[in-house]
Amino acid sequence: MNNEKAFQIGQYAAYKAKSREVPEYMTGDSIRAWLDGFDSIRPA
């Protein structure tokens, strides 16, 4: 994973958190695993 991709994922996670679509208990590895699910359906 390059820095730009990591940044995009971070921005996406922040956006989802602000939109309350990420459960508050999700942190760290659980968020990464949750985002991996999006990577499998979203264009790279």
Protein backbone atom coordinates (compact mmCIF):
# COMPACT_ATOMS: atom_id res chain seq x y z
CA MET A 1 0.00 0.00 0.00
CA ASN A 2 1.49 3.33 -0.99
CA ASN A 3 1.18 6.57 0.97
CA GLU A 4 -1.46 8.04 -1.34
CA LYS A 5 -3.64 4.95 -0.98
CA ALA A 6 -3.20 5.01 2.79
CA PHE A 7 -4.14 8.69 2.83
CA GLN A 8 -7.25 8.04 0.71
CA ILE A 9 -8.31 5.23 3.04
CA GLY A 10 -7.76 7.51 6.03
CA GLN A 11 -9.86 10.24 4.42
CA TYR A 12 -12.55 7.69 3.53
CA ALA A 13 -12.58 6.34 7.08
CA ALA A 14 -12.87 9.88 8.47
CA TYR A 15 -15.73 10.65 6.08
CA LYS A 16 -17.56 7.46 7.01
CA ALA A 17 -17.03 8.16 10.71
CA LYS A 18 -18.44 11.68 10.33
CA SER A 19 -21.44 10.28 8.48
CA ARG A 20 -22.03 7.87 11.39
CA GLU A 21 -21.81 4.84 9.12
CA VAL A 22 -18.89 3.47 11.14
CA PRO A 23 -20.01 2.06 14.50
CA GLU A 24 -18.26 3.91 17.31
CA TYR A 25 -16.75 0.69 18.67
CA MET A 26 -14.75 0.24 15.47
CA THR A 27 -11.13 1.27 15.89
CA GLY A 28 -7.75 0.25 14.52
CA ASP A 29 -7.70 -3.26 13.07
CA SER A 30 -11.49 -3.54 12.95
CA ILE A 31 -11.71 -0.40 10.82
CA ARG A 32 -8.95 -1.71 8.54
CA ALA A 33 -10.78 -5.01 8.13
CA TRP A 34 -14.04 -3.14 7.51
CA LEU A 35 -12.38 -0.97 4.87
CA ASP A 36 -10.87 -4.08 3.24
CA GLY A 37 -14.44 -5.09 2.50
CA PHE A 38 -14.93 -1.81 0.62
CA ASP A 39 -11.66 -2.31 -1.27
CA SER A 40 -13.09 -5.55 -2.63
CA ILE A 41 -16.11 -3.78 -4.15
CA ARG A 42 -14.74 -0.30 -4.91
CA PRO A 43 -12.54 0.48 -7.91
CA ALA A 44 -8.89 0.80 -6.94
